[in-house]
């Protein structure tokens, strides 16, 4: 059982439910609700890749591009993949750093050719 701020405790089942609901909120374009749930998970598990990724997506969708980039950079440090490269390209571009955006997009294009 993981203790949240205050007296609320989340067990692994609760954490999974929060993640699942946050994803559903993303699909329904209810971005603030998604980040609210993921923030609760991140209070217990600060390096939760799923919620960091979901928050990045939600922040990007509501034009909180700096927050999107910060969340994506955290996930990239923990799990470098072509998906994270592509996301970073998108978020750097949204923040106006086209040079970094191009660097990550090129990395995806060049490293993942078959």
PDB file of N, CA and C in Angstrom:
ATOM      1  N   UNK A   1       0.852  -1.177   0.000  1.00  0.00           N
ATOM      2  CA  UNK A   1       0.000   0.000   0.000  1.00  0.00           C
ATOM      3  C   UNK A   1       0.893   1.234   0.000  1.00  0.00           C
ATOM      4  N   UNK A   2       0.561   2.178  -0.843  1.00  0.00           N
ATOM      5  CA  UNK A   2       1.337   3.401  -0.981  1.00  0.00           C
ATOM      6  C   UNK A   2       0.571   4.550  -0.346  1.00  0.00           C
ATOM      7  N   UNK A   3       1.262   5.352   0.462  1.00  0.00           N
ATOM      8  CA  UNK A   3       0.616   6.459   1.145  1.00  0.00           C
ATOM      9  C   UNK A   3       0.691   7.715   0.293  1.00  0.00           C
ATOM     10  N   UNK A   4      -0.439   8.353   0.097  1.00  0.00           N
ATOM     11  CA  UNK A   4      -0.511   9.627  -0.604  1.00  0.00           C
ATOM     12  C   UNK A   4      -0.411  10.761   0.404  1.00  0.00           C
ATOM     13  N   UNK A   5      -0.221  11.968  -0.110  1.00  0.00           N
ATOM     14  CA  UNK A   5      -0.258  13.142   0.750  1.00  0.00           C
ATOM     15  C   UNK A   5      -1.584  13.131   1.499  1.00  0.00           C
ATOM     16  N   UNK A   6      -1.554  13.466   2.753  1.00  0.00           N
ATOM     17  CA  UNK A   6      -2.757  13.370   3.575  1.00  0.00           C
ATOM     18  C   UNK A   6      -2.855  11.973   4.140  1.00  0.00           C
ATOM     19  N   UNK A   7      -4.064  11.488   4.303  1.00  0.00           N
ATOM     20  CA  UNK A   7      -4.231  10.175   4.922  1.00  0.00           C
ATOM     21  C   UNK A   7      -4.711   9.110   3.942  1.00  0.00           C
ATOM     22  N   UNK A   8      -4.864   9.471   2.681  1.00  0.00           N
ATOM     23  CA  UNK A   8      -5.365   8.514   1.700  1.00  0.00           C
ATOM     24  C   UNK A   8      -4.266   7.542   1.291  1.00  0.00           C
ATOM     25  N   UNK A   9      -4.618   6.283   1.194  1.00  0.00           N
ATOM     26  CA  UNK A   9      -3.668   5.282   0.750  1.00  0.00           C
ATOM     27  C   UNK A   9      -4.163   4.671  -0.554  1.00  0.00           C
ATOM     28  N   UNK A  10      -3.226   4.452  -1.452  1.00  0.00           N
ATOM     29  CA  UNK A  10      -3.538   3.796  -2.715  1.00  0.00           C
ATOM     30  C   UNK A  10      -2.787   2.484  -2.777  1.00  0.00           C
ATOM     31  N   UNK A  11      -3.506   1.415  -3.031  1.00  0.00           N
ATOM     32  CA  UNK A  11      -2.833   0.143  -3.243  1.00  0.00           C
ATOM     33  C   UNK A  11      -2.567   0.002  -4.738  1.00  0.00           C
ATOM     34  N   UNK A  12      -1.820  -1.002  -5.144  1.00  0.00           N
ATOM     35  CA  UNK A  12      -1.516  -1.148  -6.577  1.00  0.00           C
ATOM     36  C   UNK A  12      -2.756  -1.225  -7.470  1.00  0.00           C
ATOM     37  N   UNK A  13      -3.840  -1.794  -6.962  1.00  0.00           N
ATOM     38  CA  UNK A  13      -5.073  -1.865  -7.740  1.00  0.00           C
ATOM     39  C   UNK A  13      -5.634  -0.466  -7.983  1.00  0.00           C
ATOM     40  N   UNK A  14      -5.604   0.385  -6.944  1.00  0.00           N
ATOM     41  CA  UNK A  14      -6.058   1.775  -7.089  1.00  0.00           C
ATOM     42  C   UNK A  14      -5.200   2.514  -8.111  1.00  0.00           C
ATOM     43  N   UNK A  15      -3.897   2.325  -8.030  1.00  0.00           N
ATOM     44  CA  UNK A  15      -2.988   2.993  -8.964  1.00  0.00           C
ATOM     45  C   UNK A  15      -3.311   2.606 -10.398  1.00  0.00           C
ATOM     46  N   UNK A  16      -3.531   1.330 -10.624  1.00  0.00           N
ATOM     47  CA  UNK A  16      -3.874   0.865 -11.970  1.00  0.00           C
ATOM     48  C   UNK A  16      -5.193   1.477 -12.433  1.00  0.00           C
ATOM     49  N   UNK A  17      -6.169   1.526 -11.542  1.00  0.00           N
ATOM     50  CA  UNK A  17      -7.467   2.123 -11.896  1.00  0.00           C
ATOM     51  C   UNK A  17      -7.312   3.600 -12.236  1.00  0.00           C
ATOM     52  N   UNK A  18      -6.521   4.325 -11.477  1.00  0.00           N
ATOM     53  CA  UNK A  18      -6.298   5.741 -11.760  1.00  0.00           C
ATOM     54  C   UNK A  18      -5.645   5.912 -13.126  1.00  0.00           C
ATOM     55  N   UNK A  19      -4.641   5.075 -13.421  1.00  0.00           N
ATOM     56  CA  UNK A  19      -3.991   5.138 -14.736  1.00  0.00           C
ATOM     57  C   UNK A  19      -4.993   4.855 -15.855  1.00  0.00           C
ATOM     58  N   UNK A  20      -5.780   3.806 -15.678  1.00  0.00           N
ATOM     59  CA  UNK A  20      -6.765   3.437 -16.701  1.00  0.00           C
ATOM     60  C   UNK A  20      -7.788   4.552 -16.917  1.00  0.00           C
ATOM     61  N   UNK A  21      -8.278   5.126 -15.831  1.00  0.00           N
ATOM     62  CA  UNK A  21      -9.243   6.220 -15.946  1.00  0.00           C
ATOM     63  C   UNK A  21      -8.611   7.446 -16.588  1.00  0.00           C
ATOM     64  N   UNK A  22      -7.371   7.724 -16.247  1.00  0.00           N
ATOM     65  CA  UNK A  22      -6.674   8.865 -16.851  1.00  0.00           C
ATOM     66  C   UNK A  22      -6.571   8.678 -18.360  1.00  0.00           C
ATOM     67  N   UNK A  23      -6.289   7.464 -18.806  1.00  0.00           N
ATOM     68  CA  UNK A  23      -6.218   7.177 -20.243  1.00  0.00           C
ATOM     69  C   UNK A  23      -7.584   7.379 -20.900  1.00  0.00           C
ATOM     70  N   UNK A  24      -8.636   6.927 -20.239  1.00  0.00           N
ATOM     71  CA  UNK A  24      -9.989   7.113 -20.769  1.00  0.00           C
ATOM     72  C   UNK A  24     -10.306   8.603 -20.890  1.00  0.00           C
ATOM     73  N   UNK A  25      -9.908   9.377 -19.888  1.00  0.00           N
ATOM     74  CA  UNK A  25     -10.125  10.828 -19.952  1.00  0.00           C
ATOM     75  C   UNK A  25      -9.362  11.453 -21.125  1.00  0.00           C
ATOM     76  N   UNK A  26      -8.173  10.959 -21.408  1.00  0.00           N
ATOM     77  CA  UNK A  26      -7.425  11.454 -22.579  1.00  0.00           C
ATOM     78  C   UNK A  26      -8.235  11.181 -23.848  1.00  0.00           C
ATOM     79  N   UNK A  27      -8.723   9.964 -23.981  1.00  0.00           N
ATOM     80  CA  UNK A  27      -9.513   9.611 -25.166  1.00  0.00           C
ATOM     81  C   UNK A  27     -10.776  10.463 -25.290  1.00  0.00           C
ATOM     82  N   UNK A  28     -11.348  10.851 -24.152  1.00  0.00           N
ATOM     83  CA  UNK A  28     -12.555  11.674 -24.138  1.00  0.00           C
ATOM     84  C   UNK A  28     -12.231  13.174 -24.194  1.00  0.00           C
ATOM     85  N   UNK A  29     -10.955  13.490 -24.329  1.00  0.00           N
ATOM     86  CA  UNK A  29     -10.492  14.882 -24.379  1.00  0.00           C
ATOM     87  C   UNK A  29     -10.836  15.658 -23.107  1.00  0.00           C
ATOM     88  N   UNK A  30     -10.833  14.953 -22.004  1.00  0.00           N
ATOM     89  CA  UNK A  30     -11.039  15.548 -20.680  1.00  0.00           C
ATOM     90  C   UNK A  30      -9.655  15.641 -20.007  1.00  0.00           C
ATOM     91  N   UNK A  31      -8.850  16.548 -20.514  1.00  0.00           N
ATOM     92  CA  UNK A  31      -7.429  16.583 -20.168  1.00  0.00           C
ATOM     93  C   UNK A  31      -7.173  16.975 -18.714  1.00  0.00           C
ATOM     94  N   UNK A  32      -7.924  17.909 -18.179  1.00  0.00           N
ATOM     95  CA  UNK A  32      -7.710  18.300 -16.787  1.00  0.00           C
ATOM     96  C   UNK A  32      -8.042  17.170 -15.825  1.00  0.00           C
ATOM     97  N   UNK A  33      -9.077  16.403 -16.136  1.00  0.00           N
ATOM     98  CA  UNK A  33      -9.423  15.257 -15.304  1.00  0.00           C
ATOM     99  C   UNK A  33      -8.328  14.199 -15.355  1.00  0.00           C
ATOM    100  N   UNK A  34      -7.765  14.018 -16.539  1.00  0.00           N
ATOM    101  CA  UNK A  34      -6.674  13.054 -16.687  1.00  0.00           C
ATOM    102  C   UNK A  34      -5.467  13.456 -15.848  1.00  0.00           C
ATOM    103  N   UNK A  35      -5.073  14.726 -15.943  1.00  0.00           N
ATOM    104  CA  UNK A  35      -3.898  15.164 -15.172  1.00  0.00           C
ATOM    105  C   UNK A  35      -4.172  15.110 -13.676  1.00  0.00           C
ATOM    106  N   UNK A  36      -5.392  15.360 -13.269  1.00  0.00           N
ATOM    107  CA  UNK A  36      -5.734  15.284 -11.849  1.00  0.00           C
ATOM    108  C   UNK A  36      -5.507  13.870 -11.309  1.00  0.00           C
ATOM    109  N   UNK A  37      -5.964  12.868 -12.054  1.00  0.00           N
ATOM    110  CA  UNK A  37      -5.760  11.483 -11.634  1.00  0.00           C
ATOM    111  C   UNK A  37      -4.288  11.098 -11.658  1.00  0.00           C
ATOM    112  N   UNK A  38      -3.606  11.483 -12.720  1.00  0.00           N
ATOM    113  CA  UNK A  38      -2.189  11.131 -12.819  1.00  0.00           C
ATOM    114  C   UNK A  38      -1.362  11.834 -11.746  1.00  0.00           C
ATOM    115  N   UNK A  39      -1.726  13.050 -11.402  1.00  0.00           N
ATOM    116  CA  UNK A  39      -1.003  13.742 -10.338  1.00  0.00           C
ATOM    117  C   UNK A  39      -1.112  12.988  -9.020  1.00  0.00           C
ATOM    118  N   UNK A  40      -2.263  12.373  -8.775  1.00  0.00           N
ATOM    119  CA  UNK A  40      -2.429  11.564  -7.561  1.00  0.00           C
ATOM    120  C   UNK A  40      -1.495  10.354  -7.594  1.00  0.00           C
ATOM    121  N   UNK A  41      -1.403   9.713  -8.753  1.00  0.00           N
ATOM    122  CA  UNK A  41      -0.495   8.576  -8.891  1.00  0.00           C
ATOM    123  C   UNK A  41       0.954   9.040  -8.703  1.00  0.00           C
ATOM    124  N   UNK A  42       1.299  10.168  -9.319  1.00  0.00           N
ATOM    125  CA  UNK A  42       2.682  10.658  -9.254  1.00  0.00           C
ATOM    126  C   UNK A  42       3.085  11.101  -7.852  1.00  0.00           C
ATOM    127  N   UNK A  43       2.127  11.439  -7.010  1.00  0.00           N
ATOM    128  CA  UNK A  43       2.443  11.727  -5.605  1.00  0.00           C
ATOM    129  C   UNK A  43       2.957  10.473  -4.914  1.00  0.00           C
ATOM    130  N   UNK A  44       2.429   9.319  -5.306  1.00  0.00           N
ATOM    131  CA  UNK A  44       2.840   8.046  -4.720  1.00  0.00           C
ATOM    132  C   UNK A  44       4.021   7.426  -5.441  1.00  0.00           C
ATOM    133  N   UNK A  45       4.014   7.558  -6.767  1.00  0.00           N
ATOM    134  CA  UNK A  45       5.045   6.944  -7.601  1.00  0.00           C
ATOM    135  C   UNK A  45       5.574   8.026  -8.553  1.00  0.00           C
ATOM    136  N   UNK A  46       6.548   8.833  -8.096  1.00  0.00           N
ATOM    137  CA  UNK A  46       6.992   9.986  -8.888  1.00  0.00           C
ATOM    138  C   UNK A  46       7.531   9.652 -10.277  1.00  0.00           C
ATOM    139  N   UNK A  47       7.998   8.443 -10.475  1.00  0.00           N
ATOM    140  CA  UNK A  47       8.567   8.058 -11.766  1.00  0.00           C
ATOM    141  C   UNK A  47       7.640   7.135 -12.551  1.00  0.00           C
ATOM    142  N   UNK A  48       6.346   7.263 -12.353  1.00  0.00           N
ATOM    143  CA  UNK A  48       5.386   6.432 -13.071  1.00  0.00           C
ATOM    144  C   UNK A  48       5.371   6.853 -14.548  1.00  0.00           C
ATOM    145  N   UNK A  49       5.935   6.010 -15.398  1.00  0.00           N
ATOM    146  CA  UNK A  49       6.051   6.341 -16.824  1.00  0.00           C
ATOM    147  C   UNK A  49       4.705   6.594 -17.486  1.00  0.00           C
ATOM    148  N   UNK A  50       3.729   5.784 -17.164  1.00  0.00           N
ATOM    149  CA  UNK A  50       2.418   5.936 -17.794  1.00  0.00           C
ATOM    150  C   UNK A  50       1.829   7.307 -17.502  1.00  0.00           C
ATOM    151  N   UNK A  51       1.835   7.697 -16.250  1.00  0.00           N
ATOM    152  CA  UNK A  51       1.230   8.985 -15.897  1.00  0.00           C
ATOM    153  C   UNK A  51       2.074  10.165 -16.357  1.00  0.00           C
ATOM    154  N   UNK A  52       3.374  10.026 -16.364  1.00  0.00           N
ATOM    155  CA  UNK A  52       4.197  11.108 -16.921  1.00  0.00           C
ATOM    156  C   UNK A  52       3.894  11.289 -18.403  1.00  0.00           C
ATOM    157  N   UNK A  53       3.761  10.175 -19.126  1.00  0.00           N
ATOM    158  CA  UNK A  53       3.420  10.249 -20.551  1.00  0.00           C
ATOM    159  C   UNK A  53       2.016  10.815 -20.764  1.00  0.00           C
ATOM    160  N   UNK A  54       1.050  10.331 -19.977  1.00  0.00           N
ATOM    161  CA  UNK A  54      -0.314  10.837 -20.123  1.00  0.00           C
ATOM    162  C   UNK A  54      -0.401  12.321 -19.798  1.00  0.00           C
ATOM    163  N   UNK A  55       0.314  12.745 -18.762  1.00  0.00           N
ATOM    164  CA  UNK A  55       0.317  14.170 -18.436  1.00  0.00           C
ATOM    165  C   UNK A  55       0.938  14.984 -19.565  1.00  0.00           C
ATOM    166  N   UNK A  56       1.999  14.479 -20.154  1.00  0.00           N
ATOM    167  CA  UNK A  56       2.624  15.201 -21.270  1.00  0.00           C
ATOM    168  C   UNK A  56       1.627  15.372 -22.416  1.00  0.00           C
ATOM    169  N   UNK A  57       0.913  14.321 -22.744  1.00  0.00           N
ATOM    170  CA  UNK A  57      -0.082  14.382 -23.817  1.00  0.00           C
ATOM    171  C   UNK A  57      -1.173  15.404 -23.472  1.00  0.00           C
ATOM    172  N   UNK A  58      -1.674  15.323 -22.249  1.00  0.00           N
ATOM    173  CA  UNK A  58      -2.742  16.239 -21.820  1.00  0.00           C
ATOM    174  C   UNK A  58      -2.253  17.683 -21.825  1.00  0.00           C
ATOM    175  N   UNK A  59      -1.065  17.908 -21.291  1.00  0.00           N
ATOM    176  CA  UNK A  59      -0.532  19.278 -21.257  1.00  0.00           C
ATOM    177  C   UNK A  59      -0.349  19.830 -22.668  1.00  0.00           C
ATOM    178  N   UNK A  60       0.140  18.999 -23.568  1.00  0.00           N
ATOM    179  CA  UNK A  60       0.302  19.435 -24.952  1.00  0.00           C
ATOM    180  C   UNK A  60      -1.065  19.810 -25.551  1.00  0.00           C
ATOM    181  N   UNK A  61      -2.070  19.010 -25.277  1.00  0.00           N
ATOM    182  CA  UNK A  61      -3.403  19.243 -25.839  1.00  0.00           C
ATOM    183  C   UNK A  61      -4.029  20.541 -25.338  1.00  0.00           C
ATOM    184  N   UNK A  62      -3.656  20.973 -24.136  1.00  0.00           N
ATOM    185  CA  UNK A  62      -4.233  22.208 -23.587  1.00  0.00           C
ATOM    186  C   UNK A  62      -3.211  23.350 -23.615  1.00  0.00           C
ATOM    187  N   UNK A  63      -2.215  23.193 -24.489  1.00  0.00           N
ATOM    188  CA  UNK A  63      -1.212  24.246 -24.738  1.00  0.00           C
ATOM    189  C   UNK A  63      -0.360  24.600 -23.528  1.00  0.00           C
ATOM    190  N   UNK A  64      -0.147  23.641 -22.656  1.00  0.00           N
ATOM    191  CA  UNK A  64       0.818  23.806 -21.573  1.00  0.00           C
ATOM    192  C   UNK A  64       2.095  23.094 -22.028  1.00  0.00           C
ATOM    193  N   UNK A  65       2.713  23.691 -23.046  1.00  0.00           N
ATOM    194  CA  UNK A  65       3.800  23.021 -23.750  1.00  0.00           C
ATOM    195  C   UNK A  65       5.046  22.833 -22.902  1.00  0.00           C
ATOM    196  N   UNK A  66       5.328  23.754 -22.025  1.00  0.00           N
ATOM    197  CA  UNK A  66       6.494  23.620 -21.154  1.00  0.00           C
ATOM    198  C   UNK A  66       6.329  22.415 -20.217  1.00  0.00           C
ATOM    199  N   UNK A  67       5.126  22.267 -19.661  1.00  0.00           N
ATOM    200  CA  UNK A  67       4.852  21.125 -18.786  1.00  0.00           C
ATOM    201  C   UNK A  67       4.914  19.810 -19.572  1.00  0.00           C
ATOM    202  N   UNK A  68       4.410  19.837 -20.793  1.00  0.00           N
ATOM    203  CA  UNK A  68       4.473  18.640 -21.640  1.00  0.00           C
ATOM    204  C   UNK A  68       5.917  18.226 -21.859  1.00  0.00           C
ATOM    205  N   UNK A  69       6.759  19.195 -22.194  1.00  0.00           N
ATOM    206  CA  UNK A  69       8.172  18.895 -22.428  1.00  0.00           C
ATOM    207  C   UNK A  69       8.844  18.375 -21.168  1.00  0.00           C
ATOM    208  N   UNK A  70       8.580  19.002 -20.030  1.00  0.00           N
ATOM    209  CA  UNK A  70       9.212  18.571 -18.770  1.00  0.00           C
ATOM    210  C   UNK A  70       8.834  17.136 -18.422  1.00  0.00           C
ATOM    211  N   UNK A  71       7.559  16.778 -18.582  1.00  0.00           N
ATOM    212  CA  UNK A  71       7.148  15.401 -18.304  1.00  0.00           C
ATOM    213  C   UNK A  71       7.795  14.430 -19.273  1.00  0.00           C
ATOM    214  N   UNK A  72       7.863  14.820 -20.532  1.00  0.00           N
ATOM    215  CA  UNK A  72       8.447  13.941 -21.537  1.00  0.00           C
ATOM    216  C   UNK A  72       9.949  13.744 -21.318  1.00  0.00           C
ATOM    217  N   UNK A  73      10.637  14.788 -20.887  1.00  0.00           N
ATOM    218  CA  UNK A  73      12.068  14.658 -20.592  1.00  0.00           C
ATOM    219  C   UNK A  73      12.307  13.672 -19.448  1.00  0.00           C
ATOM    220  N   UNK A  74      11.426  13.676 -18.458  1.00  0.00           N
ATOM    221  CA  UNK A  74      11.549  12.718 -17.350  1.00  0.00           C
ATOM    222  C   UNK A  74      11.405  11.291 -17.855  1.00  0.00           C
ATOM    223  N   UNK A  75      10.403  11.053 -18.712  1.00  0.00           N
ATOM    224  CA  UNK A  75      10.203   9.697 -19.214  1.00  0.00           C
ATOM    225  C   UNK A  75      11.357   9.273 -20.113  1.00  0.00           C
ATOM    226  N   UNK A  76      11.884  10.218 -20.870  1.00  0.00           N
ATOM    227  CA  UNK A  76      12.983   9.902 -21.784  1.00  0.00           C
ATOM    228  C   UNK A  76      14.226   9.451 -21.018  1.00  0.00           C
ATOM    229  N   UNK A  77      14.471  10.065 -19.873  1.00  0.00           N
ATOM    230  CA  UNK A  77      15.626   9.662 -19.057  1.00  0.00           C
ATOM    231  C   UNK A  77      15.472   8.244 -18.536  1.00  0.00           C
ATOM    232  N   UNK A  78      14.229   7.820 -18.335  1.00  0.00           N
ATOM    233  CA  UNK A  78      13.980   6.485 -17.795  1.00  0.00           C
ATOM    234  C   UNK A  78      13.811   5.427 -18.882  1.00  0.00           C
ATOM    235  N   UNK A  79      13.343   5.843 -20.056  1.00  0.00           N
ATOM    236  CA  UNK A  79      13.019   4.866 -21.092  1.00  0.00           C
ATOM    237  C   UNK A  79      13.149   5.515 -22.467  1.00  0.00           C
ATOM    238  N   UNK A  80      14.321   5.410 -23.042  1.00  0.00           N
ATOM    239  CA  UNK A  80      14.537   5.977 -24.368  1.00  0.00           C
ATOM    240  C   UNK A  80      14.002   5.012 -25.417  1.00  0.00           C
ATOM    241  N   UNK A  81      13.098   5.527 -26.228  1.00  0.00           N
ATOM    242  CA  UNK A  81      12.527   4.725 -27.299  1.00  0.00           C
ATOM    243  C   UNK A  81      12.180   5.654 -28.450  1.00  0.00           C
ATOM    244  N   UNK A  82      11.880   5.083 -29.604  1.00  0.00           N
ATOM    245  CA  UNK A  82      11.541   5.943 -30.734  1.00  0.00           C
ATOM    246  C   UNK A  82      10.256   6.722 -30.461  1.00  0.00           C
ATOM    247  N   UNK A  83       9.342   6.153 -29.665  1.00  0.00           N
ATOM    248  CA  UNK A  83       8.116   6.887 -29.313  1.00  0.00           C
ATOM    249  C   UNK A  83       8.446   8.125 -28.487  1.00  0.00           C
ATOM    250  N   UNK A  84       9.352   7.957 -27.532  1.00  0.00           N
ATOM    251  CA  UNK A  84       9.749   9.105 -26.718  1.00  0.00           C
ATOM    252  C   UNK A  84      10.544  10.113 -27.548  1.00  0.00           C
ATOM    253  N   UNK A  85      11.341   9.630 -28.496  1.00  0.00           N
ATOM    254  CA  UNK A  85      12.047  10.553 -29.397  1.00  0.00           C
ATOM    255  C   UNK A  85      11.049  11.388 -30.190  1.00  0.00           C
ATOM    256  N   UNK A  86      10.047  10.730 -30.719  1.00  0.00           N
ATOM    257  CA  UNK A  86       9.044  11.429 -31.518  1.00  0.00           C
ATOM    258  C   UNK A  86       8.264  12.431 -30.665  1.00  0.00           C
ATOM    259  N   UNK A  87       7.885  12.003 -29.460  1.00  0.00           N
ATOM    260  CA  UNK A  87       7.182  12.920 -28.555  1.00  0.00           C
ATOM    261  C   UNK A  87       8.036  14.136 -28.230  1.00  0.00           C
ATOM    262  N   UNK A  88       9.315  13.906 -27.948  1.00  0.00           N
ATOM    263  CA  UNK A  88      10.194  15.039 -27.648  1.00  0.00           C
ATOM    264  C   UNK A  88      10.305  15.978 -28.840  1.00  0.00           C
ATOM    265  N   UNK A  89      10.344  15.426 -30.036  1.00  0.00           N
ATOM    266  CA  UNK A  89      10.362  16.278 -31.224  1.00  0.00           C
ATOM    267  C   UNK A  89       9.126  17.160 -31.281  1.00  0.00           C
ATOM    268  N   UNK A  90       7.995  16.575 -30.991  1.00  0.00           N
ATOM    269  CA  UNK A  90       6.729  17.309 -30.985  1.00  0.00           C
ATOM    270  C   UNK A  90       6.728  18.392 -29.903  1.00  0.00           C
ATOM    271  N   UNK A  91       7.144  18.031 -28.697  1.00  0.00           N
ATOM    272  CA  UNK A  91       7.079  18.977 -27.579  1.00  0.00           C
ATOM    273  C   UNK A  91       8.140  20.078 -27.696  1.00  0.00           C
ATOM    274  N   UNK A  92       9.315  19.734 -28.190  1.00  0.00           N
ATOM    275  CA  UNK A  92      10.308  20.791 -28.430  1.00  0.00           C
ATOM    276  C   UNK A  92       9.794  21.771 -29.486  1.00  0.00           C
ATOM    277  N   UNK A  93       9.183  21.238 -30.530  1.00  0.00           N
ATOM    278  CA  UNK A  93       8.624  22.105 -31.557  1.00  0.00           C
ATOM    279  C   UNK A  93       7.542  23.014 -30.999  1.00  0.00           C
ATOM    280  N   UNK A  94       6.694  22.479 -30.152  1.00  0.00           N
ATOM    281  CA  UNK A  94       5.621  23.273 -29.550  1.00  0.00           C
ATOM    282  C   UNK A  94       6.175  24.376 -28.656  1.00  0.00           C
ATOM    283  N   UNK A  95       7.379  24.163 -28.134  1.00  0.00           N
ATOM    284  CA  UNK A  95       8.020  25.164 -27.288  1.00  0.00           C
ATOM    285  C   UNK A  95       8.886  26.122 -28.093  1.00  0.00           C
ATOM    286  N   UNK A  96       8.890  25.961 -29.416  1.00  0.00           N
ATOM    287  CA  UNK A  96       9.619  26.880 -30.282  1.00  0.00           C
ATOM    288  C   UNK A  96      11.065  26.513 -30.531  1.00  0.00           C
ATOM    289  N   UNK A  97      11.517  25.378 -30.010  1.00  0.00           N
ATOM    290  CA  UNK A  97      12.896  24.953 -30.228  1.00  0.00           C
ATOM    291  C   UNK A  97      12.921  24.000 -31.424  1.00  0.00           C
ATOM    292  N   UNK A  98      12.906  24.590 -32.609  1.00  0.00           N
ATOM    293  CA  UNK A  98      12.811  23.779 -33.825  1.00  0.00           C
ATOM    294  C   UNK A  98      14.071  22.982 -34.107  1.00  0.00           C
ATOM    295  N   UNK A  99      15.210  23.480 -33.653  1.00  0.00           N
ATOM    296  CA  UNK A  99      16.463  22.738 -33.846  1.00  0.00           C
ATOM    297  C   UNK A  99      16.421  21.423 -33.078  1.00  0.00           C
ATOM    298  N   UNK A 100      16.020  21.473 -31.802  1.00  0.00           N
ATOM    299  CA  UNK A 100      15.918  20.248 -31.003  1.00  0.00           C
ATOM    300  C   UNK A 100      14.800  19.350 -31.537  1.00  0.00           C
ATOM    301  N   UNK A 101      13.719  19.960 -31.972  1.00  0.00           N
ATOM    302  CA  UNK A 101      12.615  19.176 -32.529  1.00  0.00           C
ATOM    303  C   UNK A 101      13.101  18.380 -33.738  1.00  0.00           C
ATOM    304  N   UNK A 102      13.806  19.040 -34.629  1.00  0.00           N
ATOM    305  CA  UNK A 102      14.321  18.384 -35.828  1.00  0.00           C
ATOM    306  C   UNK A 102      15.307  17.277 -35.472  1.00  0.00           C
ATOM    307  N   UNK A 103      16.127  17.521 -34.458  1.00  0.00           N
ATOM    308  CA  UNK A 103      17.110  16.522 -34.011  1.00  0.00           C
ATOM    309  C   UNK A 103      16.417  15.221 -33.602  1.00  0.00           C
ATOM    310  N   UNK A 104      15.339  15.330 -32.836  1.00  0.00           N
ATOM    311  CA  UNK A 104      14.648  14.120 -32.375  1.00  0.00           C
ATOM    312  C   UNK A 104      13.849  13.456 -33.492  1.00  0.00           C
ATOM    313  N   UNK A 105      13.235  14.238 -34.347  1.00  0.00           N
ATOM    314  CA  UNK A 105      12.493  13.657 -35.468  1.00  0.00           C
ATOM    315  C   UNK A 105      13.458  12.953 -36.423  1.00  0.00           C
ATOM    316  N   UNK A 106      14.598  13.584 -36.708  1.00  0.00           N
ATOM    317  CA  UNK A 106      15.605  12.944 -37.562  1.00  0.00           C
ATOM    318  C   UNK A 106      16.103  11.640 -36.957  1.00  0.00           C
ATOM    319  N   UNK A 107      16.274  11.634 -35.640  1.00  0.00           N
ATOM    320  CA  UNK A 107      16.728  10.421 -34.964  1.00  0.00           C
ATOM    321  C   UNK A 107      15.730   9.289 -35.195  1.00  0.00           C
ATOM    322  N   UNK A 108      14.451   9.593 -35.102  1.00  0.00           N
ATOM    323  CA  UNK A 108      13.413   8.578 -35.343  1.00  0.00           C
ATOM    324  C   UNK A 108      13.484   8.082 -36.774  1.00  0.00           C
ATOM    325  N   UNK A 109      13.580   9.017 -37.706  1.00  0.00           N
ATOM    326  CA  UNK A 109      13.587   8.653 -39.132  1.00  0.00           C
ATOM    327  C   UNK A 109      14.822   7.849 -39.523  1.00  0.00           C
ATOM    328  N   UNK A 110      15.958   8.212 -38.967  1.00  0.00           N
ATOM    329  CA  UNK A 110      17.213   7.569 -39.360  1.00  0.00           C
ATOM    330  C   UNK A 110      17.485   6.261 -38.647  1.00  0.00           C
ATOM    331  N   UNK A 111      17.035   6.125 -37.410  1.00  0.00           N
ATOM    332  CA  UNK A 111      17.340   4.912 -36.648  1.00  0.00           C
ATOM    333  C   UNK A 111      16.311   3.817 -36.836  1.00  0.00           C
ATOM    334  N   UNK A 112      15.163   4.120 -37.371  1.00  0.00           N
ATOM    335  CA  UNK A 112      14.106   3.134 -37.439  1.00  0.00           C
ATOM    336  C   UNK A 112      13.730   2.741 -38.857  1.00  0.00           C
ATOM    337  N   UNK A 113      14.695   2.919 -39.778  1.00  0.00           N
ATOM    338  CA  UNK A 113      14.445   2.467 -41.148  1.00  0.00           C
ATOM    339  C   UNK A 113      14.576   0.967 -41.216  1.00  0.00           C
ATOM    340  N   UNK A 114      13.780   0.373 -42.060  1.00  0.00           N
ATOM    341  CA  UNK A 114      13.869  -1.099 -42.196  1.00  0.00           C
ATOM    342  C   UNK A 114      14.533  -1.427 -43.488  1.00  0.00           C
TER     343      UNK A 114
END
